[in-house]
Protein backbone atom coordinates (compact mmCIF):
# COMPACT_ATOMS: atom_id res chain seq x y z
CA MET A 1 -51.95 48.66 19.87
CA SER A 2 -48.67 50.22 18.66
CA ARG A 3 -47.52 49.40 15.12
CA ILE A 4 -44.30 47.95 14.13
CA ALA A 5 -41.94 50.67 12.68
CA ILE A 6 -38.28 50.95 11.86
CA LEU A 7 -36.36 52.96 14.38
CA ASP A 8 -34.89 56.34 13.81
CA SER A 9 -31.11 55.88 13.15
CA ALA A 10 -30.18 57.99 16.31
CA VAL A 11 -32.38 55.81 18.57
CA ALA A 12 -30.73 52.73 16.95
CA ASP A 13 -27.34 54.21 17.52
CA GLN A 14 -28.16 54.77 21.17
CA ILE A 15 -29.27 51.18 21.53
CA ALA A 16 -26.02 49.94 20.08
CA ALA A 17 -24.24 52.18 22.47
CA GLY A 18 -25.66 50.25 25.26
CA GLU A 19 -23.69 47.23 24.18
CA VAL A 20 -20.44 49.23 23.71
CA VAL A 21 -20.46 52.06 26.07
CA GLU A 22 -21.42 50.97 29.51
CA ARG A 23 -19.30 53.39 31.40
CA PRO A 24 -16.34 55.64 30.94
CA SER A 25 -13.78 52.83 31.14
CA SER A 26 -15.74 51.27 28.20
CA ILE A 27 -14.95 54.35 26.21
CA VAL A 28 -11.26 54.43 27.21
CA LYS A 29 -11.05 50.72 26.19
CA GLU A 30 -12.41 51.39 22.74
CA LEU A 31 -10.49 54.38 21.96
CA ILE A 32 -7.07 52.97 23.24
CA GLU A 33 -7.68 49.88 21.16
CA ASN A 34 -8.30 51.99 17.93
CA ALA A 35 -5.07 53.83 18.78
CA LEU A 36 -3.06 50.40 19.07
CA ASP A 37 -4.61 49.24 15.92
CA ALA A 38 -3.40 52.53 14.27
CA GLY A 39 0.13 51.48 15.25
CA ALA A 40 0.51 54.00 18.16
CA THR A 41 3.44 53.58 20.51
CA ASP A 42 2.97 56.58 22.79
CA ILE A 43 -0.73 57.09 24.17
CA GLY A 44 -1.76 59.82 26.53
CA ILE A 45 -5.00 59.72 28.55
CA GLU A 46 -6.58 62.51 30.27
CA ILE A 47 -9.41 62.13 32.59
CA GLU A 48 -11.57 64.47 34.62
CA ASP A 49 -14.19 63.40 37.25
CA GLY A 50 -13.69 59.69 36.60
CA GLY A 51 -14.53 60.20 33.05
CA ARG A 52 -17.87 61.55 33.58
CA GLY A 53 -16.47 65.16 32.76
CA LEU A 54 -13.82 64.46 30.21
CA ILE A 55 -12.01 61.71 28.42
CA ARG A 56 -9.26 62.58 26.03
CA ILE A 57 -7.13 60.03 24.20
CA ARG A 58 -4.07 61.22 22.29
CA ASP A 59 -1.90 58.86 20.12
CA ASP A 60 0.87 59.00 17.67
CA GLY A 61 -0.59 56.49 15.26
CA VAL A 62 -0.94 56.64 11.54
CA GLY A 63 -3.86 59.10 11.54
CA MET A 64 -6.71 59.50 9.01
CA SER A 65 -7.42 61.55 6.16
CA ALA A 66 -10.51 63.82 6.12
CA ARG A 67 -12.66 61.33 4.21
CA GLU A 68 -11.59 58.62 6.71
CA ALA A 69 -12.34 60.54 9.67
CA GLU A 70 -15.93 61.24 8.61
CA LEU A 71 -16.18 57.49 7.72
CA ALA A 72 -14.96 56.50 11.07
CA LEU A 73 -17.98 58.05 12.63
CA SER A 74 -20.45 56.08 10.52
CA ARG A 75 -21.72 52.65 11.86
CA HIS A 76 -20.10 49.55 10.44
CA ALA A 77 -17.12 51.43 9.00
CA THR A 78 -13.78 49.57 9.65
CA SER A 79 -10.44 49.23 8.12
CA LYS A 80 -9.96 45.61 9.53
CA ILE A 81 -12.43 43.22 7.56
CA ARG A 82 -14.13 43.26 4.19
CA THR A 83 -15.80 39.67 4.15
CA ALA A 84 -17.21 37.34 6.73
CA HIS A 85 -14.17 35.01 6.20
CA ASP A 86 -12.01 37.90 7.63
CA LEU A 87 -13.68 37.25 10.98
CA VAL A 88 -11.96 33.93 11.32
CA GLY A 89 -8.66 34.63 13.32
CA VAL A 90 -9.19 38.37 13.50
CA ALA A 91 -6.22 39.76 15.57
CA THR A 92 -6.96 43.52 15.56
CA PHE A 93 -8.97 44.87 18.58
CA GLY A 94 -11.49 47.35 17.21
CA PHE A 95 -12.67 45.61 14.04
CA ARG A 96 -16.60 45.94 14.16
CA GLY A 97 -17.01 49.47 13.26
CA GLU A 98 -19.24 50.30 16.25
CA ALA A 99 -17.12 52.09 18.72
CA LEU A 100 -16.96 55.74 17.51
CA PRO A 101 -20.50 56.19 16.22
CA ALA A 102 -21.79 54.46 19.52
CA ILE A 103 -19.68 56.87 21.58
CA ALA A 104 -20.65 59.84 19.62
CA SER A 105 -24.44 58.95 19.91
CA VAL A 106 -24.30 59.38 23.78
CA SER A 107 -21.89 62.25 24.15
CA HIS A 108 -20.22 65.28 22.74
CA LEU A 109 -17.31 63.99 20.64
CA VAL A 110 -14.51 65.88 19.02
CA LEU A 111 -12.19 63.92 16.63
CA GLU A 112 -8.92 65.38 15.53
CA THR A 113 -6.65 63.70 13.24
CA SER A 114 -3.78 63.90 10.71
CA GLU A 115 -1.81 61.47 8.46
CA VAL A 116 1.01 63.91 8.20
CA ASP A 117 2.45 66.78 10.38
CA GLY A 118 0.91 70.16 9.62
CA GLU A 119 -2.57 69.30 8.02
CA GLY A 120 -5.36 67.60 9.63
CA THR A 121 -9.13 67.40 10.33
CA ARG A 122 -11.52 67.96 13.00
CA VAL A 123 -14.89 66.40 13.31
CA VAL A 124 -17.59 67.53 15.85
CA VAL A 125 -20.53 65.25 16.83
CA ALA A 126 -22.88 66.04 19.50
CA GLN A 127 -25.24 63.21 20.69
CA GLY A 128 -25.27 61.43 17.50
CA THR A 129 -25.71 64.62 15.33
CA ARG A 130 -22.44 65.76 13.11
CA GLU A 131 -22.22 69.54 13.67
CA ARG A 132 -19.25 70.26 11.48
CA THR A 133 -16.04 69.02 9.78
CA GLU A 134 -13.12 71.57 9.33
CA PRO A 135 -9.38 71.67 8.60
CA ILE A 136 -6.80 72.15 11.34
CA ALA A 137 -3.05 72.37 11.85
CA ARG A 138 -1.73 69.55 13.97
CA ARG A 139 0.86 66.79 14.31
CA ARG A 140 0.49 63.31 12.89
CA GLY A 141 -1.82 61.09 15.05
CA THR A 142 -5.26 61.22 16.46
CA THR A 143 -6.91 62.93 19.51
CA ILE A 144 -10.50 62.17 20.57
CA THR A 145 -12.26 64.13 23.28
CA VAL A 146 -15.41 63.07 24.88
CA THR A 147 -17.45 65.12 27.07
CA GLU A 148 -21.29 65.41 28.37
CA LEU A 149 -21.25 61.65 28.61
CA PHE A 150 -24.98 60.37 28.78
CA HIS A 151 -26.11 64.11 29.01
CA ALA A 152 -29.23 63.31 26.75
CA LEU A 153 -29.83 60.16 28.77
CA PRO A 154 -30.21 61.02 32.61
CA ALA A 155 -31.39 57.52 33.41
CA ARG A 156 -27.99 55.89 32.05
CA ARG A 157 -25.86 58.80 33.80
CA LYS A 158 -27.77 58.06 37.15
CA PHE A 159 -26.21 54.64 37.32
CA LEU A 160 -22.61 55.80 36.82
CA LYS A 161 -20.39 55.20 39.93
CA SER A 162 -18.79 57.86 41.78
CA ALA A 163 -15.68 59.56 40.12
CA ARG A 164 -13.34 57.40 42.48
CA GLY A 165 -15.34 54.17 41.47
CA GLU A 166 -15.12 55.14 37.71
CA TRP A 167 -11.24 55.94 37.97
CA ARG A 168 -10.64 52.58 39.71
CA ALA A 169 -12.08 50.86 36.68
CA ILE A 170 -10.16 52.98 34.37
CA SER A 171 -6.96 52.40 36.14
CA GLU A 172 -7.60 48.65 36.15
CA LEU A 173 -8.17 48.72 32.56
CA LEU A 174 -5.07 50.81 31.80
CA ALA A 175 -2.97 48.12 33.78
CA SER A 176 -4.52 45.40 31.53
CA ILE A 177 -3.49 47.17 28.44
CA ALA A 178 0.07 47.88 29.60
CA LEU A 179 0.57 44.25 30.09
CA VAL A 180 -1.06 43.41 26.72
CA ARG A 181 1.26 45.93 25.03
CA ARG A 182 4.62 46.14 26.82
CA ASP A 183 6.09 48.07 23.80
CA VAL A 184 3.75 51.09 24.29
CA ARG A 185 4.07 54.03 26.59
CA LEU A 186 0.98 54.82 28.49
CA THR A 187 0.64 57.90 30.68
CA ALA A 188 -2.62 59.14 32.30
CA THR A 189 -3.72 61.93 34.24
CA HIS A 190 -6.93 62.23 36.67
CA ASP A 191 -8.11 65.68 37.44
CA GLY A 192 -4.90 67.29 36.35
CA LYS A 193 -2.54 64.88 38.48
CA THR A 194 -0.35 62.19 36.94
CA ALA A 195 -2.21 58.78 38.09
CA PHE A 196 -0.65 56.19 35.87
CA SER A 197 2.66 55.68 33.89
CA ALA A 198 3.98 52.70 32.18
CA VAL A 199 7.28 53.00 30.09
CA PRO A 200 8.00 50.44 27.37
CA ALA A 201 9.43 47.11 28.76
CA ARG A 202 10.74 44.17 27.26
CA ALA A 203 9.56 41.49 30.12
CA TRP A 204 6.43 41.45 32.01
CA ARG A 205 8.48 41.43 35.24
CA GLU A 206 9.39 45.06 34.68
CA ARG A 207 5.78 45.94 33.62
CA LEU A 208 4.34 44.32 36.72
CA ALA A 209 6.41 46.55 39.05
CA SER A 210 4.70 49.69 37.77
CA VAL A 211 1.27 48.43 36.95
CA TRP A 212 0.48 46.14 39.94
CA PRO A 213 1.25 48.09 43.14
CA GLY A 214 2.12 45.47 46.05
CA VAL A 215 3.01 42.54 43.68
CA THR A 216 6.78 42.63 43.50
CA PRO A 217 8.37 40.78 40.61
CA ALA A 218 10.50 38.66 43.11
CA SER A 219 7.31 37.15 44.45
CA MET A 220 6.34 35.81 40.91
CA ILE A 221 7.35 32.48 39.05
CA ASP A 222 7.93 32.35 35.32
CA VAL A 223 5.58 30.10 33.24
CA ASP A 224 6.77 29.17 29.78
CA ASP A 225 5.24 25.90 28.49
CA VAL A 226 4.39 24.47 25.03
CA GLN A 227 1.96 21.62 24.67
CA GLY A 228 1.15 20.98 21.01
CA PRO A 229 -0.03 24.14 19.31
CA VAL A 230 -0.75 25.82 22.60
CA HIS A 231 2.00 28.20 24.38
CA VAL A 232 1.37 29.40 27.75
CA ARG A 233 3.72 32.07 29.22
CA GLY A 234 3.54 34.55 32.00
CA LEU A 235 4.08 34.94 35.76
CA VAL A 236 2.32 33.23 38.70
CA GLU A 237 2.50 34.06 42.34
CA GLN A 238 4.86 31.93 44.61
CA PRO A 239 2.71 29.76 46.93
CA SER A 240 4.56 31.28 50.04
CA GLN A 241 3.63 34.69 48.84
CA VAL A 242 -0.21 34.04 48.20
CA GLY A 243 -2.41 36.23 50.49
CA LEU A 244 0.25 38.73 51.54
CA ALA A 245 -0.79 41.26 48.84
CA ALA A 246 -3.95 42.16 47.00
CA ARG A 247 -4.89 39.51 44.37
CA ARG A 248 -4.49 40.42 40.83
CA VAL A 249 -5.32 38.43 37.76
CA PHE A 250 -4.58 39.05 34.03
CA LEU A 251 -5.46 36.78 31.13
CA MET A 252 -4.46 37.40 27.45
CA VAL A 253 -5.42 35.04 24.56
CA ASN A 254 -3.68 35.68 21.22
CA GLY A 255 -2.79 39.29 22.40
CA ARG A 256 -6.30 40.21 23.72
CA ALA A 257 -7.08 40.83 27.26
CA ILE A 258 -10.02 38.59 28.34
CA ARG A 259 -12.04 37.58 31.29
CA ASP A 260 -12.40 33.73 31.77
CA THR A 261 -13.35 32.10 34.99
CA GLY A 262 -12.66 28.58 33.62
CA LEU A 263 -9.11 29.36 32.72
CA VAL A 264 -8.61 31.10 35.98
CA ARG A 265 -9.95 27.94 37.86
CA SER A 266 -7.54 25.75 35.80
CA ALA A 267 -4.70 27.72 36.75
CA GLU A 268 -5.61 27.91 40.47
CA SER A 269 -6.28 24.07 40.39
CA ALA A 270 -2.34 23.69 39.96
CA TYR A 271 -2.06 25.43 43.53
CA LEU A 272 -4.17 22.93 45.05
CA SER A 273 -2.38 21.07 48.05
CA THR A 274 0.36 24.01 47.95
CA ILE A 275 -1.74 26.96 49.50
CA PRO A 276 -4.03 27.25 52.53
CA SER A 277 -7.79 26.80 51.56
CA GLY A 278 -9.59 30.05 50.78
CA THR A 279 -6.61 31.90 49.36
CA ARG A 280 -6.06 32.64 45.68
CA PRO A 281 -2.90 33.44 43.96
CA SER A 282 -2.24 36.39 41.57
CA LEU A 283 -1.43 35.41 37.94
CA ALA A 284 -0.79 36.91 34.69
CA LEU A 285 -0.79 34.44 31.66
CA ASP A 286 -0.43 35.00 27.84
CA ILE A 287 -2.09 31.84 26.14
CA ARG A 288 -1.25 31.64 22.23
CA LEU A 289 -3.02 29.08 20.02
CA PRO A 290 -4.04 28.94 16.29
CA GLY A 291 -6.69 31.56 15.37
CA ASP A 292 -9.06 28.92 14.20
CA ALA A 293 -9.18 27.43 17.64
CA VAL A 294 -10.73 30.34 19.30
CA ASP A 295 -13.62 32.78 18.36
CA VAL A 296 -12.99 36.34 19.69
CA ASN A 297 -16.25 37.77 18.23
CA VAL A 298 -18.67 36.48 20.87
CA HIS A 299 -18.90 39.48 23.27
CA PRO A 300 -19.87 43.03 22.28
CA ALA A 301 -16.89 44.47 24.39
CA LYS A 302 -14.60 41.60 22.94
CA ALA A 303 -13.92 40.83 26.78
CA GLU A 304 -14.74 36.99 26.37
CA VAL A 305 -13.87 34.35 23.77
CA ARG A 306 -15.03 30.78 22.93
CA PHE A 307 -12.50 27.85 22.59
CA HIS A 308 -13.34 25.08 20.32
CA ASP A 309 -11.93 22.55 22.62
CA ARG A 310 -12.19 24.28 26.00
CA TRP A 311 -11.41 21.15 28.20
CA SER A 312 -8.05 20.67 26.24
CA ILE A 313 -7.01 24.15 26.80
CA GLU A 314 -7.90 24.45 30.55
CA ARG A 315 -5.82 21.20 31.07
CA VAL A 316 -2.70 22.67 29.26
CA VAL A 317 -3.09 25.73 31.41
CA GLU A 318 -3.21 23.96 34.66
CA GLY A 319 -0.15 21.75 33.53
CA ALA A 320 1.94 24.70 32.62
CA VAL A 321 1.39 26.21 35.95
CA ARG A 322 1.66 23.12 37.96
CA ARG A 323 5.03 22.34 36.10
CA ALA A 324 6.32 26.08 36.76
CA LEU A 325 5.44 25.56 40.50
CA GLY A 326 7.26 22.31 40.63
CA VAL A 327 10.43 23.62 39.04
CA ALA A 328 10.33 26.78 41.39
CA ALA A 329 9.81 24.68 44.44
CA SER A 330 12.51 22.15 43.84
CA ALA A 331 15.27 24.60 42.99
CA PRO A 332 15.91 26.32 46.25
CA LEU A 333 16.34 23.41 48.26
CA PHE A 334 17.85 20.93 46.14
CA ALA A 335 20.23 22.98 43.88
CA THR A 336 22.52 24.33 46.46
CA ARG A 337 25.58 22.59 47.71
CA PHE A 338 25.63 21.34 51.20
CA GLY A 339 27.88 22.76 53.91
CA GLY A 340 29.73 20.87 56.74
CA GLU A 341 33.38 19.67 57.36
CA ARG A 342 35.08 17.06 54.96
CA SER A 343 34.65 14.47 57.38
CA TRP A 344 30.88 15.06 57.39
CA SER A 345 30.66 15.17 53.52
CA PRO A 346 27.33 14.05 52.10
CA THR A 347 26.94 10.96 50.26
CA THR A 348 25.69 10.70 46.79
CA VAL A 349 23.21 7.71 46.30
CA ALA A 350 21.20 6.45 43.61
CA LEU A 351 18.55 5.27 46.03
CA ASP A 352 18.56 1.49 45.34
CA VAL A 353 17.07 -0.42 48.13
CA SER A 354 20.20 -2.34 48.78
CA VAL A 355 22.35 0.67 49.77
CA LEU A 356 19.89 1.95 52.55
CA ARG A 357 18.98 -1.59 53.73
CA ALA A 358 22.47 -2.06 55.03
CA ALA A 359 22.12 0.39 57.74
CA PRO A 360 22.24 -1.18 61.12
CA ASP A 361 18.73 0.38 62.08
CA ARG A 362 15.40 -1.36 62.68
CA SER A 363 13.16 -1.96 59.68
CA PRO A 364 13.19 1.22 57.57
CA LEU A 365 10.03 3.35 57.16
CA PHE A 366 9.93 3.33 53.47
CA VAL A 367 10.95 -0.24 52.69
CA ASP A 368 9.80 -1.59 49.10
CA VAL A 369 7.85 1.69 48.54
CA ALA A 370 9.88 4.89 49.25
CA LEU A 371 13.52 3.59 48.77
CA GLN A 372 13.01 2.51 45.10
CA PRO A 373 13.78 4.78 42.30
CA ASP A 374 10.60 6.57 41.16
CA GLU A 375 10.26 5.08 37.71
CA SER A 376 6.89 7.04 37.18
CA ARG A 377 8.97 10.27 37.07
CA ALA A 378 11.66 9.04 34.75
CA PRO A 379 11.48 8.45 30.90
CA ALA A 380 11.48 4.74 29.76
CA GLY A 381 15.25 3.34 29.91
CA VAL A 382 16.64 6.27 31.93
CA GLU A 383 17.63 5.78 35.49
CA SER A 384 16.37 8.45 38.18
CA ALA A 385 19.05 10.95 38.91
CA PRO A 386 21.10 10.43 42.19
CA ILE A 387 20.03 12.63 44.93
CA GLU A 388 22.66 14.10 47.08
CA ILE A 389 21.76 13.57 50.70
CA PRO A 390 23.41 15.85 53.44
CA PRO A 391 23.90 14.63 57.06
CA LEU A 392 20.52 14.86 58.70
CA LEU A 393 19.57 15.44 62.34
CA GLN A 394 16.04 15.03 63.84
CA LEU A 395 14.93 17.72 66.22
CA ARG A 396 12.13 17.09 68.65
CA ARG A 397 10.98 13.97 66.82
CA THR A 398 9.35 16.48 64.31
CA TYR A 399 11.98 18.19 62.16
CA LEU A 400 14.85 17.16 60.06
CA LEU A 401 17.86 19.53 60.10
CA PHE A 402 20.52 19.90 57.72
CA GLU A 403 23.36 22.42 56.86
CA ARG A 404 23.83 24.11 53.32
CA ASP A 405 26.40 26.73 52.08
CA ASP A 406 23.81 29.53 52.60
CA GLY A 407 22.35 28.35 56.02
CA VAL A 408 20.40 25.74 57.78
CA VAL A 409 17.26 24.15 56.73
CA LEU A 410 14.35 22.39 58.67
CA ILE A 411 12.02 19.94 57.09
CA ASP A 412 8.74 19.07 58.69
CA GLN A 413 8.74 15.32 58.69
CA HIS A 414 4.71 14.89 58.59
CA SER A 415 4.38 17.49 56.01
CA ALA A 416 7.15 16.26 53.85
CA HIS A 417 5.87 12.53 54.13
CA GLU A 418 2.36 13.67 53.19
CA ARG A 419 3.57 15.34 50.00
CA VAL A 420 5.56 12.18 49.14
CA ILE A 421 2.52 9.76 49.68
CA TYR A 422 0.00 12.34 47.99
CA GLU A 423 1.98 12.43 44.74
CA ARG A 424 2.54 8.75 44.76
CA PHE A 425 -1.34 8.00 45.20
CA MET A 426 -2.08 10.72 42.48
CA THR A 427 0.26 8.50 40.18
CA ARG A 428 -1.70 5.28 41.02
CA LEU A 429 -5.06 7.28 40.47
CA THR A 430 -3.93 7.96 36.81
CA GLY A 431 -2.89 4.50 36.03
CA GLY A 432 0.28 3.69 38.06
CA ASP A 433 0.90 0.45 39.94
CA ALA A 434 -0.09 0.25 43.51
CA ILE A 435 1.83 -1.91 46.26
CA ILE A 436 -0.76 -3.93 48.12
CA GLN A 437 -0.85 -6.06 51.09
CA THR A 438 -3.47 -8.62 51.79
CA LEU A 439 -4.72 -8.75 55.31
CA LEU A 440 -4.40 -11.91 57.26
CA PHE A 441 -7.40 -10.94 59.24
CA PRO A 442 -9.84 -8.80 57.23
CA LEU A 443 -11.12 -5.38 58.74
CA THR A 444 -14.93 -4.84 59.35
CA LEU A 445 -15.87 -1.17 59.49
CA HIS A 446 -19.39 -0.06 60.50
CA LEU A 447 -20.03 3.29 58.94
CA SER A 448 -22.62 6.12 59.46
CA PRO A 449 -24.93 7.09 56.67
CA ALA A 450 -22.68 9.99 55.63
CA GLU A 451 -19.65 7.83 55.53
CA ALA A 452 -21.30 5.11 53.61
CA ASP A 453 -22.21 7.75 51.11
CA ALA A 454 -18.62 9.04 50.90
CA PHE A 455 -17.38 5.56 50.40
CA GLU A 456 -19.64 5.17 47.31
CA ALA A 457 -18.67 8.44 45.83
CA HIS A 458 -14.87 7.49 46.13
CA ARG A 459 -15.22 3.71 45.73
CA GLU A 460 -13.38 3.62 42.33
CA ALA A 461 -10.54 5.87 43.76
CA PHE A 462 -10.28 3.59 46.68
CA VAL A 463 -9.76 0.73 44.51
CA LEU A 464 -7.13 2.45 42.35
CA LEU A 465 -5.20 3.33 45.76
CA GLY A 466 -5.04 -0.36 46.55
CA PHE A 467 -7.86 -0.85 48.78
CA GLY A 468 -9.65 -4.04 48.54
CA ILE A 469 -13.15 -3.32 50.07
CA GLU A 470 -16.44 -5.24 49.68
CA GLY A 471 -19.83 -4.29 50.99
CA PHE A 472 -21.22 -6.51 53.67
CA GLY A 473 -24.84 -5.36 53.82
CA GLY A 474 -26.16 -1.94 54.93
CA GLN A 475 -23.30 0.40 56.06
CA THR A 476 -20.70 -2.43 56.87
CA LEU A 477 -17.44 -2.79 54.83
CA VAL A 478 -15.01 -5.60 54.81
CA VAL A 479 -11.52 -4.46 53.88
CA GLN A 480 -9.30 -7.61 52.43
CA SER A 481 -6.22 -5.55 51.27
CA VAL A 482 -4.76 -1.99 51.76
CA PRO A 483 -1.95 -0.10 50.05
CA MET A 484 1.41 0.14 51.96
CA PRO A 485 2.91 3.45 52.09
CA HIS A 486 5.15 2.37 54.92
CA HIS A 487 5.40 -0.40 57.53
CA ARG A 488 3.85 1.71 60.21
CA PHE A 489 0.64 2.45 58.12
CA ASP A 490 -2.59 1.98 60.42
CA ALA A 491 -5.01 1.08 57.59
CA GLU A 492 -7.87 0.91 59.86
CA ARG A 493 -7.19 4.41 61.45
CA ALA A 494 -6.53 5.89 58.15
CA LEU A 495 -9.64 4.60 56.62
CA ARG A 496 -12.02 5.62 59.45
CA GLU A 497 -10.48 9.03 59.61
CA THR A 498 -10.56 9.33 55.90
CA LEU A 499 -14.30 8.47 55.65
CA ALA A 500 -15.24 10.70 58.40
CA SER A 501 -13.34 13.58 56.62
CA LEU A 502 -14.99 12.93 53.32
CA ALA A 503 -18.47 12.57 54.76
CA GLY A 504 -20.69 15.56 53.56
CA ASP A 505 -18.35 16.44 50.70
CA ARG A 506 -20.28 17.60 47.48
CA ILE A 507 -17.63 17.24 44.83
CA ALA A 508 -18.98 16.64 41.41
CA SER A 509 -16.03 15.91 39.09
CA THR A 510 -14.19 12.38 39.14
CA ALA A 511 -10.88 14.19 38.89
CA ALA A 512 -11.61 16.38 41.85
CA ARG A 513 -12.77 13.36 43.99
CA HIS A 514 -9.63 11.45 43.29
CA GLU A 515 -7.52 14.29 44.27
CA ARG A 516 -9.51 14.78 47.61
CA LEU A 517 -9.23 11.29 48.46
CA ALA A 518 -5.46 11.15 47.75
CA MET A 519 -4.89 14.39 49.95
CA THR A 520 -7.02 12.89 52.86
CA VAL A 521 -5.57 9.57 52.92
CA ALA A 522 -1.89 10.89 52.43
CA CYS A 523 -2.52 13.16 55.55
CA LYS A 524 -3.73 10.22 57.62
CA ALA A 525 -1.12 7.79 56.32
CA ALA A 526 1.98 9.96 56.90
CA VAL A 527 4.40 9.90 59.73
CA LYS A 528 3.40 12.18 62.64
CA ALA A 529 5.37 14.75 64.65
CA GLY A 530 6.73 12.77 67.56
CA ASP A 531 7.59 9.71 65.52
CA VAL A 532 11.20 8.70 65.89
CA LEU A 533 12.95 8.15 62.54
CA SER A 534 16.11 6.04 62.09
CA MET A 535 18.99 7.62 59.87
CA SER A 536 17.99 5.52 56.76
CA GLU A 537 14.52 6.55 57.21
CA MET A 538 15.59 10.29 57.34
CA ARG A 539 17.61 9.99 54.36
CA ALA A 540 14.89 8.21 52.34
CA LEU A 541 12.40 10.62 53.13
CA PHE A 542 14.96 13.51 52.11
CA ALA A 543 15.42 11.76 48.82
CA ASP A 544 11.79 11.07 48.22
CA LEU A 545 10.83 14.68 48.92
CA ALA A 546 13.47 15.89 46.40
CA ARG A 547 11.74 13.89 43.67
CA THR A 548 8.28 15.37 44.28
CA THR A 549 7.00 18.03 42.03
CA LEU A 550 6.22 20.64 44.75
CA PRO A 551 8.40 19.74 47.76
CA ALA A 552 8.04 23.08 49.49
CA HIS A 553 4.35 22.62 50.48
CA ASP A 554 2.29 19.75 52.07
CA VAL A 555 -1.26 18.94 50.79
CA HIS A 556 -2.99 21.60 52.80
CA GLY A 557 -0.62 24.33 51.56
CA ARG A 558 1.69 24.77 54.79
CA ALA A 559 5.26 25.07 54.35
CA THR A 560 7.20 21.77 54.34
CA ILE A 561 10.64 23.61 54.49
CA VAL A 562 11.93 26.43 56.39
CA GLN A 563 15.31 28.02 55.67
CA LEU A 564 17.34 30.28 58.18
CA GLY A 565 20.25 32.00 56.46
CA TRP A 566 23.70 32.47 57.94
CA ASP A 567 23.16 36.27 57.55
CA GLU A 568 20.08 36.22 59.71
CA LEU A 569 21.89 34.00 62.38
CA GLU A 570 24.88 36.37 62.29
CA ARG A 571 22.70 39.31 62.77
CA ARG A 572 20.69 37.75 65.65
CA PHE A 573 24.15 36.95 67.39
CA GLY A 574 25.39 40.55 66.71
CA ARG A 575 28.16 39.33 64.28
CA ALA A 576 26.62 41.20 61.18
């Protein structure tokens, strides 16, 4: 039986290297982060054969003395911390003193550095063994050259990807670093050709244009939201652009690029009901929060963090993205002046019920529900802002048409009404009041086993929406009361179609079940293509849509609004 023994230091270093040095991109990451911690503003990267042949990182940072250069190649040597207390809120990148000795233990490494122009130091290490230290003449800064990666570990080298695959990982890393540090110039060559270049930029929009090919700044929406001590900034993709280019995701917490599927899911949740199922948006988010609210020392490569209150952070991120999408969606449709002749000038109304009931039409579609100012969206004591309503025309009993200064706009009446009802239902599910009508003759529904299971899973949400439903033994339900989103609402049909749609769903969280139910009932309850709308109904629908948070999309992510500019019309008529 083998006896317990202390590992040789060289073997221990190679084991430690397994945590830090997984592939060439791991080395590039560690060395660039060291350069950034040294105050570098110009970093050059030279790569050959995907990093398998050569990795060279040059920076213009503060450099090191001869003694510091030798210490830097010793394990647990760092300038960033002195005590365990310093680990709390650590803001620098390379702070554990592991990177250089770990890299040197599995490669041939040459460190050249200088604190001042003219006089510097070179340290050469081969597979963990220090060969020599010598003075050299060089400029201020540091250059580290890594060759013969995993030369003494053929099993590790065998698992490296092709040169193309390793370079792809490096280029993705460089894009991430370029977004973290927009003030730093990054240039990289691969096999002698310039392959990456990012010049200093003041804003993420400028940086994105150079580091995310295919994602144009114009396709992104600004996020800037503060909730308590948490500040979320960045850019997210416009719903209408999702799926048109390769998806890109970037997350940064307190200046550190991280991977976090929970935060990504939270940001994507804000898109629910705005993009088609199966599509996922590009996003770049910078999250700032107190240092004691996050632990960055939980992953060998520092690619993950641990939040002390993850649920709250995820809700803040979702809310920030949702509000940004709402502002962006509302602006194009409702911030532009409407066109038309003076005799057809639009009317500004405050949307009180008496104004629109005076129209000589039959019973309006949104009586008592859609025409009232939406108090849930206005602060206490503040009236809802008046909505400017243009002259509207219904086309093919499906679309509402109106004119603006910059073109004509079509609104899909079903999609628009679906969005309005969905947001009202979501308000009710989070504590808002429901308008309920008691049925003179209760409905009796006979369900399949799957539909009965769906009802039980969503029973609480049905009640919150305004459905008064009781079990009548087995798979039979008796419906005593229903919500009234509009006077044409067919409660029996909506309930049957909703339960059929929900049958077989396997949604775990209460919030997700509520949202799914609101989406489904809204779709079934909304007016359909082919329904004739009176003038007052069209005006009320327009105003209600204007008050939603995401008017440009229905709950399935389809477009609610389509605009055709005058320039496009003139081009088609040959007037341009």
